[in-house]
Protein backbone atom coordinates (compact mmCIF):
# COMPACT_ATOMS: atom_id res chain seq x y z
CA MET A 1 -37.06 -5.29 5.96
CA ILE A 2 -33.27 -5.37 7.31
CA ALA A 3 -32.86 -8.78 6.40
CA ILE A 4 -34.41 -8.10 2.76
CA ALA A 5 -31.99 -5.09 2.39
CA TYR A 6 -29.46 -6.77 2.82
CA LEU A 7 -29.86 -10.10 0.84
CA GLY A 8 -30.39 -7.81 -2.38
CA LEU A 9 -27.07 -5.84 -1.29
CA ALA A 10 -25.16 -8.93 -1.54
CA ILE A 11 -26.91 -10.36 -4.44
CA GLY A 12 -26.78 -7.10 -6.32
CA SER A 13 -30.24 -7.03 -7.46
CA PHE A 14 -33.82 -8.58 -7.11
CA PRO A 15 -35.03 -11.17 -9.43
CA GLY A 16 -37.38 -9.61 -12.18
CA LEU A 17 -36.86 -5.94 -10.58
CA ARG A 18 -34.18 -3.61 -12.32
CA MET A 19 -32.71 -2.47 -9.31
CA ASN A 20 -29.00 -1.97 -8.08
CA ARG A 21 -27.56 -1.62 -5.15
CA ALA A 22 -27.96 1.98 -4.62
CA THR A 23 -31.56 1.65 -5.18
CA ILE A 24 -31.67 -1.27 -2.89
CA ALA A 25 -30.18 0.82 -0.35
CA LEU A 26 -32.46 3.99 -0.93
CA ALA A 27 -35.89 2.24 -1.35
CA SER A 28 -35.29 0.19 1.93
CA SER A 29 -34.21 3.06 3.82
CA GLY A 30 -37.54 4.79 2.94
CA PHE A 31 -39.65 1.74 3.94
CA LEU A 32 -37.90 1.61 7.58
CA ILE A 33 -39.22 5.13 7.72
CA ALA A 34 -42.87 4.22 6.73
CA LEU A 35 -42.77 1.16 9.07
CA GLY A 36 -41.64 3.47 11.81
CA VAL A 37 -38.18 1.83 12.60
CA LEU A 38 -36.32 5.32 12.58
CA ASN A 39 -38.09 8.93 11.42
CA LEU A 40 -37.06 11.39 8.80
CA GLN A 41 -34.78 13.46 10.82
CA ASP A 42 -33.14 10.49 12.57
CA ALA A 43 -32.47 9.21 9.24
CA TRP A 44 -31.21 12.22 8.03
CA ARG A 45 -29.02 13.03 10.77
CA ALA A 46 -27.80 9.26 10.37
CA ILE A 47 -26.00 10.24 6.90
CA ASP A 48 -22.32 10.98 7.70
CA VAL A 49 -21.79 14.26 5.90
CA THR A 50 -18.18 14.33 6.11
CA THR A 51 -18.00 11.19 4.41
CA ILE A 52 -20.27 11.88 1.77
CA VAL A 53 -18.14 15.60 0.82
CA PHE A 54 -14.68 13.98 1.12
CA LEU A 55 -15.50 11.03 -1.67
CA LEU A 56 -17.40 13.89 -3.66
CA SER A 57 -14.36 16.19 -3.44
CA THR A 58 -11.97 13.04 -4.48
CA MET A 59 -14.20 12.18 -7.37
CA ILE A 60 -14.01 15.60 -8.79
CA VAL A 61 -10.29 15.93 -8.59
CA ASN A 62 -10.31 12.59 -10.14
CA ALA A 63 -12.10 13.63 -13.01
CA GLY A 64 -10.17 16.97 -13.23
CA LEU A 65 -6.99 14.57 -13.37
CA SER A 66 -8.62 12.54 -15.93
CA GLN A 67 -9.77 15.35 -17.92
CA ALA A 68 -6.07 16.69 -18.07
CA GLY A 69 -4.83 13.49 -19.20
CA PHE A 70 -3.14 12.90 -16.15
CA PHE A 71 -3.75 9.15 -15.94
CA GLN A 72 -2.94 8.86 -19.62
CA LEU A 73 0.63 10.19 -19.33
CA ALA A 74 1.37 8.39 -16.01
CA ILE A 75 0.20 4.93 -18.04
CA ALA A 76 2.60 6.01 -20.72
CA HIS A 77 5.48 6.51 -18.51
CA LEU A 78 4.85 3.38 -16.69
CA LEU A 79 4.78 0.82 -19.89
CA ASN A 80 8.12 3.01 -21.18
CA ILE A 81 9.96 1.49 -18.37
CA THR A 82 10.09 -2.33 -19.76
CA HIS A 83 8.89 -4.11 -22.49
CA SER A 84 9.29 -7.48 -21.44
CA PRO A 85 6.36 -9.83 -20.35
CA PHE A 86 7.56 -9.84 -16.31
CA GLY A 87 8.91 -6.35 -16.75
CA LEU A 88 5.09 -5.29 -17.80
CA LEU A 89 3.50 -7.42 -14.84
CA THR A 90 6.06 -5.65 -12.46
CA VAL A 91 5.46 -1.99 -13.52
CA LEU A 92 1.42 -2.60 -13.67
CA THR A 93 1.40 -4.29 -10.53
CA PHE A 94 3.68 -1.60 -8.58
CA GLY A 95 2.00 1.30 -10.90
CA VAL A 96 -1.33 0.42 -10.52
CA ALA A 97 -0.81 -0.03 -6.83
CA ALA A 98 0.70 3.53 -6.41
CA LEU A 99 -1.74 5.77 -8.56
CA SER A 100 -4.58 3.72 -6.11
CA ALA A 101 -3.07 4.47 -3.02
CA PHE A 102 -3.81 8.38 -3.61
CA PHE A 103 -6.59 8.16 -6.02
CA LEU A 104 -9.95 5.82 -5.43
CA ASN A 105 -9.10 2.22 -6.77
CA ASP A 106 -12.19 1.56 -9.20
CA ALA A 107 -11.32 4.62 -10.98
CA MET A 108 -7.73 2.85 -11.78
CA ALA A 109 -9.35 -0.05 -12.62
CA LEU A 110 -11.76 1.98 -15.55
CA ILE A 111 -8.79 3.42 -17.17
CA PHE A 112 -6.35 0.64 -17.14
CA THR A 113 -8.31 -2.56 -18.52
CA PRO A 114 -9.08 -0.92 -21.65
CA LEU A 115 -5.49 -0.78 -21.97
CA ILE A 116 -4.10 -3.86 -20.96
CA LEU A 117 -6.41 -5.59 -23.34
CA ASP A 118 -5.39 -3.23 -26.17
CA LEU A 119 -1.80 -4.05 -25.07
CA ALA A 120 -2.51 -7.82 -25.04
CA ARG A 121 -3.95 -7.81 -28.47
CA THR A 122 -1.00 -6.16 -30.01
CA LEU A 123 1.62 -8.27 -28.54
CA ARG A 124 -0.55 -11.45 -28.83
CA ILE A 125 -0.05 -12.54 -25.11
CA ASN A 126 -2.73 -13.49 -22.48
CA PRO A 127 -4.33 -10.62 -20.89
CA ILE A 128 -5.54 -12.50 -17.71
CA PRO A 129 -2.68 -12.47 -15.68
CA TYR A 130 -2.08 -8.75 -16.41
CA LEU A 131 -5.52 -8.10 -15.54
CA LEU A 132 -5.53 -10.35 -12.55
CA ALA A 133 -2.45 -7.92 -11.56
CA MET A 134 -4.19 -4.63 -12.23
CA ALA A 135 -7.30 -5.75 -10.06
CA GLY A 136 -5.09 -7.11 -7.32
CA ALA A 137 -2.94 -3.97 -7.67
CA THR A 138 -5.66 -1.92 -7.24
CA ASN A 139 -7.07 -3.70 -3.86
CA LEU A 140 -3.67 -3.94 -2.43
CA GLY A 141 -2.64 -0.37 -3.31
CA SER A 142 -5.68 1.33 -2.09
CA VAL A 143 -5.24 -0.26 1.68
CA ALA A 144 -2.15 1.95 2.15
CA THR A 145 -3.88 5.40 2.76
CA ILE A 146 -7.31 6.59 3.52
CA SER A 147 -8.23 8.26 0.49
CA GLY A 148 -7.45 4.99 -1.69
CA ASN A 149 -10.96 3.33 -1.72
CA PRO A 150 -14.56 4.54 -0.14
CA GLN A 151 -14.32 2.06 3.03
CA ASN A 152 -10.97 3.30 3.94
CA ILE A 153 -12.68 7.29 3.33
CA LEU A 154 -15.36 5.80 6.02
CA ILE A 155 -13.01 4.64 8.55
CA GLY A 156 -10.96 7.55 8.16
CA SER A 157 -14.36 9.63 9.05
CA PHE A 158 -15.02 7.84 12.07
CA SER A 159 -11.97 6.98 13.44
CA LYS A 160 -10.18 10.21 12.93
CA ILE A 161 -6.71 8.55 12.48
CA GLY A 162 -4.73 10.87 10.66
CA TYR A 163 -3.81 10.51 6.84
CA LEU A 164 0.09 9.79 7.77
CA ASP A 165 -0.59 7.88 10.67
CA PHE A 166 -3.02 5.54 8.61
CA ALA A 167 -0.34 5.07 5.91
CA LYS A 168 2.49 3.99 8.34
CA ALA A 169 0.43 1.45 9.61
CA LEU A 170 -0.79 -0.06 6.39
CA THR A 171 1.58 0.69 3.39
CA PRO A 172 3.96 -2.44 4.60
CA ILE A 173 0.80 -4.54 4.34
CA ALA A 174 0.51 -2.88 0.85
CA ILE A 175 3.78 -3.67 -0.51
CA PHE A 176 3.84 -7.13 1.12
CA GLY A 177 0.74 -8.03 -0.53
CA LEU A 178 2.40 -7.01 -3.91
CA CYS A 179 5.13 -8.98 -3.68
CA VAL A 180 3.23 -12.02 -2.89
CA GLN A 181 0.71 -11.09 -5.99
CA LEU A 182 3.81 -11.30 -8.29
CA VAL A 183 5.20 -14.59 -6.94
CA LEU A 184 1.66 -16.24 -7.70
CA LEU A 185 0.99 -15.04 -10.95
CA TYR A 186 4.61 -15.69 -11.87
CA TRP A 187 4.03 -19.44 -10.70
CA MET A 188 0.62 -19.46 -11.99
CA TYR A 189 1.36 -18.55 -15.49
CA PRO A 190 4.74 -19.64 -17.35
CA GLU A 191 4.25 -17.38 -20.22
CA VAL A 192 4.93 -13.97 -18.01
CA ARG A 193 8.10 -15.33 -16.60
CA SER A 194 10.06 -14.00 -19.82
CA THR A 195 12.40 -10.75 -19.41
CA THR A 196 12.97 -10.79 -23.46
CA PRO A 197 11.76 -7.30 -24.43
CA GLN A 198 8.87 -6.94 -27.19
CA GLU A 199 8.30 -4.23 -29.46
CA PHE A 200 5.25 -2.20 -29.22
CA SER A 201 3.86 1.45 -29.52
CA LEU A 202 1.80 2.98 -27.31
CA PRO A 203 -0.87 6.03 -28.45
CA GLN A 204 0.42 9.55 -27.61
CA PRO A 205 -1.36 10.47 -24.55
CA ARG A 206 -3.76 13.40 -25.02
CA VAL A 207 -2.99 16.10 -22.58
CA TYR A 208 -4.64 19.38 -22.03
CA ARG A 209 -1.55 21.31 -20.40
CA PRO A 210 -3.17 24.50 -19.05
CA LEU A 211 -5.56 22.31 -16.90
CA LEU A 212 -2.76 19.33 -16.21
CA PHE A 213 -0.74 22.11 -14.23
CA LYS A 214 -3.55 23.35 -12.25
CA THR A 215 -5.02 19.92 -11.32
CA VAL A 216 -1.65 18.38 -10.56
CA SER A 217 -0.83 21.77 -8.65
CA VAL A 218 -4.44 21.59 -6.60
CA THR A 219 -3.92 17.54 -6.12
CA ALA A 220 -0.50 18.07 -4.78
CA ALA A 221 -1.37 20.84 -2.48
CA MET A 222 -4.48 18.38 -1.26
CA LEU A 223 -2.15 15.12 -0.94
CA ILE A 224 0.33 18.29 1.36
CA ALA A 225 -2.84 19.17 3.11
CA PHE A 226 -3.69 15.19 4.02
CA VAL A 227 -0.44 14.57 5.39
CA VAL A 228 0.20 17.76 7.67
CA GLY A 229 -3.19 16.69 9.22
CA LEU A 230 -5.56 19.19 8.00
CA PRO A 231 -9.20 17.94 7.84
CA LEU A 232 -9.37 15.58 5.15
CA ALA A 233 -12.99 16.38 4.00
CA GLU A 234 -12.49 20.47 3.88
CA SER A 235 -8.89 20.07 2.00
CA ALA A 236 -10.60 17.82 -0.69
CA LEU A 237 -13.48 20.34 -0.66
CA VAL A 238 -11.38 23.35 -0.79
CA ALA A 239 -9.41 21.39 -3.76
CA ALA A 240 -12.77 20.35 -5.72
CA SER A 241 -14.02 23.77 -5.51
CA ILE A 242 -10.52 25.23 -7.10
CA LEU A 243 -11.04 23.03 -9.90
CA LEU A 244 -14.72 23.46 -10.53
CA ILE A 245 -13.58 27.70 -11.19
CA THR A 246 -12.72 27.57 -15.07
CA ARG A 247 -13.09 29.49 -17.84
CA ARG A 248 -12.74 26.80 -20.66
CA LEU A 249 -13.55 23.16 -19.35
CA LYS A 250 -17.76 22.68 -19.38
CA PRO A 251 -18.91 22.05 -15.99
CA ASP A 252 -20.54 18.27 -16.97
CA ARG A 253 -16.94 17.58 -17.79
CA LEU A 254 -16.02 17.15 -14.04
CA LEU A 255 -19.47 16.43 -12.70
CA GLN A 256 -20.61 13.68 -15.08
CA PRO A 257 -17.54 10.98 -14.22
CA VAL A 258 -18.69 11.27 -10.43
CA ASP A 259 -20.16 8.16 -9.21
CA TRP A 260 -23.47 9.53 -8.37
CA ASN A 261 -25.00 5.76 -8.05
CA LEU A 262 -22.25 5.40 -5.20
CA LEU A 263 -23.03 8.35 -3.34
CA VAL A 264 -26.73 7.47 -2.97
CA LEU A 265 -25.80 3.93 -1.91
CA PHE A 266 -23.86 5.60 1.01
CA SER A 267 -26.71 7.54 2.42
CA GLY A 268 -28.63 4.65 2.13
CA LEU A 269 -26.56 2.70 3.58
CA PHE A 270 -26.07 5.27 6.72
CA ILE A 271 -29.41 4.76 7.22
CA LEU A 272 -29.77 0.98 7.05
CA THR A 273 -26.84 0.91 9.69
CA LYS A 274 -28.88 3.33 11.68
CA ALA A 275 -31.82 1.04 12.14
CA THR A 276 -29.59 -2.13 12.71
CA GLN A 277 -27.90 -0.30 15.38
CA ASP A 278 -30.85 1.01 17.09
CA LEU A 279 -32.23 -3.20 16.49
CA ASN A 280 -28.96 -4.13 17.91
CA VAL A 281 -29.08 -6.69 14.77
CA PHE A 282 -25.27 -7.09 15.05
CA ALA A 283 -24.54 -6.58 18.72
CA PRO A 284 -23.21 -10.59 19.39
CA LEU A 285 -20.22 -9.56 16.90
CA THR A 286 -19.11 -7.35 19.86
CA GLN A 287 -16.90 -10.36 21.16
CA ALA A 288 -15.35 -10.39 17.93
CA ILE A 289 -13.46 -7.16 18.45
CA ASP A 290 -11.47 -8.23 20.99
CA HIS A 291 -10.19 -11.32 19.31
CA PRO A 292 -8.05 -9.76 15.72
CA ALA A 293 -8.46 -13.40 14.01
CA LYS A 294 -11.58 -13.57 14.46
CA PHE A 295 -12.52 -9.66 13.72
CA LEU A 296 -10.32 -10.07 10.61
CA SER A 297 -12.59 -13.33 9.68
CA VAL A 298 -15.82 -11.53 10.34
CA THR A 299 -14.63 -8.62 8.46
CA ALA A 300 -13.36 -10.49 5.57
CA ILE A 301 -16.77 -13.04 5.16
CA LEU A 302 -19.19 -10.16 5.53
CA SER A 303 -17.14 -8.18 2.98
CA ASN A 304 -17.85 -10.96 0.29
CA LEU A 305 -21.41 -11.43 1.24
CA VAL A 306 -22.25 -7.78 0.99
CA SER A 307 -19.46 -6.06 -0.28
CA ASN A 308 -17.24 -4.12 1.89
CA VAL A 309 -18.55 -0.57 2.13
CA PRO A 310 -21.64 -2.13 3.79
CA ALA A 311 -19.42 -4.34 6.10
CA VAL A 312 -17.72 -1.48 7.30
CA LEU A 313 -21.00 0.36 7.83
CA LEU A 314 -22.41 -2.64 9.82
CA LEU A 315 -18.98 -3.02 11.85
CA HIS A 316 -17.98 0.56 12.88
CA PRO A 317 -20.50 1.31 15.55
CA LEU A 318 -18.78 -2.18 17.34
CA ILE A 319 -15.47 -0.14 17.75
CA ALA A 320 -14.41 2.25 20.11
CA GLN A 321 -13.32 5.46 18.17
CA ASN A 322 -9.91 5.22 20.14
CA ASP A 323 -9.27 1.86 18.89
CA SER A 324 -6.83 2.23 16.18
CA GLN A 325 -5.72 -0.97 15.89
CA SER A 326 -9.39 -2.26 15.23
CA TRP A 327 -10.00 0.31 12.55
CA LEU A 328 -6.92 -0.33 10.85
CA ARG A 329 -8.29 -4.08 11.01
CA LEU A 330 -11.40 -3.24 9.43
CA ALA A 331 -9.77 -1.21 6.94
CA ALA A 332 -7.04 -3.79 5.98
CA GLY A 333 -9.20 -6.74 6.25
CA SER A 334 -12.70 -5.07 4.17
CA THR A 335 -10.02 -4.28 1.47
CA LEU A 336 -7.70 -7.54 1.43
CA ALA A 337 -11.16 -9.28 1.04
CA GLY A 338 -11.85 -7.60 -2.06
CA ASN A 339 -9.08 -10.01 -3.63
CA LEU A 340 -10.46 -13.39 -2.48
CA THR A 341 -13.56 -13.69 -5.24
CA ILE A 342 -14.33 -11.92 -8.55
CA PHE A 343 -17.42 -10.44 -6.53
CA GLY A 344 -15.20 -9.02 -3.61
CA SER A 345 -14.62 -5.77 -5.08
CA VAL A 346 -15.89 -3.25 -8.01
CA ALA A 347 -12.37 -3.15 -9.63
CA ASN A 348 -12.79 -6.99 -10.17
CA LEU A 349 -16.34 -6.85 -11.68
CA ILE A 350 -15.00 -4.07 -13.87
CA MET A 351 -12.15 -6.10 -15.13
CA ILE A 352 -14.57 -9.08 -15.65
CA GLU A 353 -16.74 -7.38 -17.37
CA ALA A 354 -14.59 -5.43 -19.82
CA ALA A 355 -12.47 -8.67 -20.64
CA GLY A 356 -15.56 -10.56 -21.24
CA ARG A 357 -16.93 -7.90 -24.08
CA LEU A 358 -13.70 -8.59 -26.21
CA GLY A 359 -14.07 -12.22 -25.75
CA TYR A 360 -11.70 -13.04 -23.01
CA ARG A 361 -13.36 -15.06 -19.97
CA LEU A 362 -12.04 -15.52 -16.45
CA SER A 363 -13.77 -18.02 -14.70
CA PHE A 364 -14.79 -17.77 -10.70
CA LEU A 365 -12.30 -20.85 -10.38
CA GLU A 366 -9.44 -19.37 -12.03
CA HIS A 367 -9.56 -16.11 -10.16
CA LEU A 368 -10.35 -17.73 -6.69
CA LYS A 369 -7.23 -19.77 -7.35
CA PHE A 370 -5.15 -16.61 -7.61
CA GLY A 371 -7.27 -14.67 -5.00
CA LEU A 372 -7.74 -17.37 -2.01
CA PRO A 373 -4.26 -17.64 -1.24
CA LEU A 374 -3.40 -13.73 -1.43
CA THR A 375 -6.21 -13.03 0.43
CA LEU A 376 -5.03 -15.48 3.29
CA ILE A 377 -1.43 -14.56 3.09
CA THR A 378 -1.95 -10.64 3.43
CA LEU A 379 -4.99 -11.24 6.23
CA CYS A 380 -1.81 -13.32 8.32
CA MET A 381 0.71 -10.41 7.42
CA THR A 382 -2.39 -8.32 8.47
CA TYR A 383 -2.95 -10.08 12.12
CA PHE A 384 0.59 -10.39 12.69
CA TRP A 385 1.34 -6.70 11.64
CA ILE A 386 -1.20 -4.80 13.56
CA ARG A 387 -0.72 -5.84 17.35
């Protein structure tokens, strides 16, 4: 049953059935309980409430910022810095990365993809290098902080590494990776090398100023709480609770954007992980923890087979809580592996699907030519940096 569940998670569905990863994880958990692998009480206790609360609260904060127009305003300011093809590539790379470091990277992919495609049509330029820059930057930027992506949120909850300590350790890897990304795209796509400005106009961002002031103030307070070492989940929950107290904004505007599928997926995966842990399915991988190169390789391969969140949940029971270096390798490896193939991260899939709907095709091999060297170089950097 466990093998079937992870096969479904790797593929993303079962042939002939309308199931996604969330329903596969939840249904598999139900069958494991029915088969007596674990009881309902053990399954319930297996769900890490801290992680679920942190992720839910972060999504609500992101929804508040989006409704207020914060991200649209940030995009407008970023794209006003430069109008040349190479300047746009550079600004997108570092701007998207900076936003992804503090807000969930998948949300950045959803926001930036349509804007890049509109900009490409206006300027009559090839959008592919800019889409690759955006997708790569969401992964690379998110590696820097605990709040950058779902797998880092998991690792922050399990390891108890401080927000600032985590950022100090992994931000250099993120910056190095972004520079490598720029070099690769400059080499692969000659059309982005131009520094000649081009004229284009951006739509005026729609900003709801009272909500913008409130959400930015609350978000800044939340990030300060993270930095000074206050509990992450509790700080995020308080921030989300304040944003939910409103006289003008309907609750649906903040709750509908929440990725409930992801929360269900996390809950099901916690139960699946508990079952694999009880059965010692992945016990042979314990030896890999003591060998950084092996551990990074296992993490990267597993992240591309079953996706990074399930990979982290499968590997985390093998790591001692005080082994901060292994936790950091797991965070970096699972996130950087997302750049390897178009299936490596949700941000990649969002970018591919959106581009395809508008007639732009990015093949598996074209992405691999960019993703393979980027992933290998950044993983090597991680190996030598985290010692």
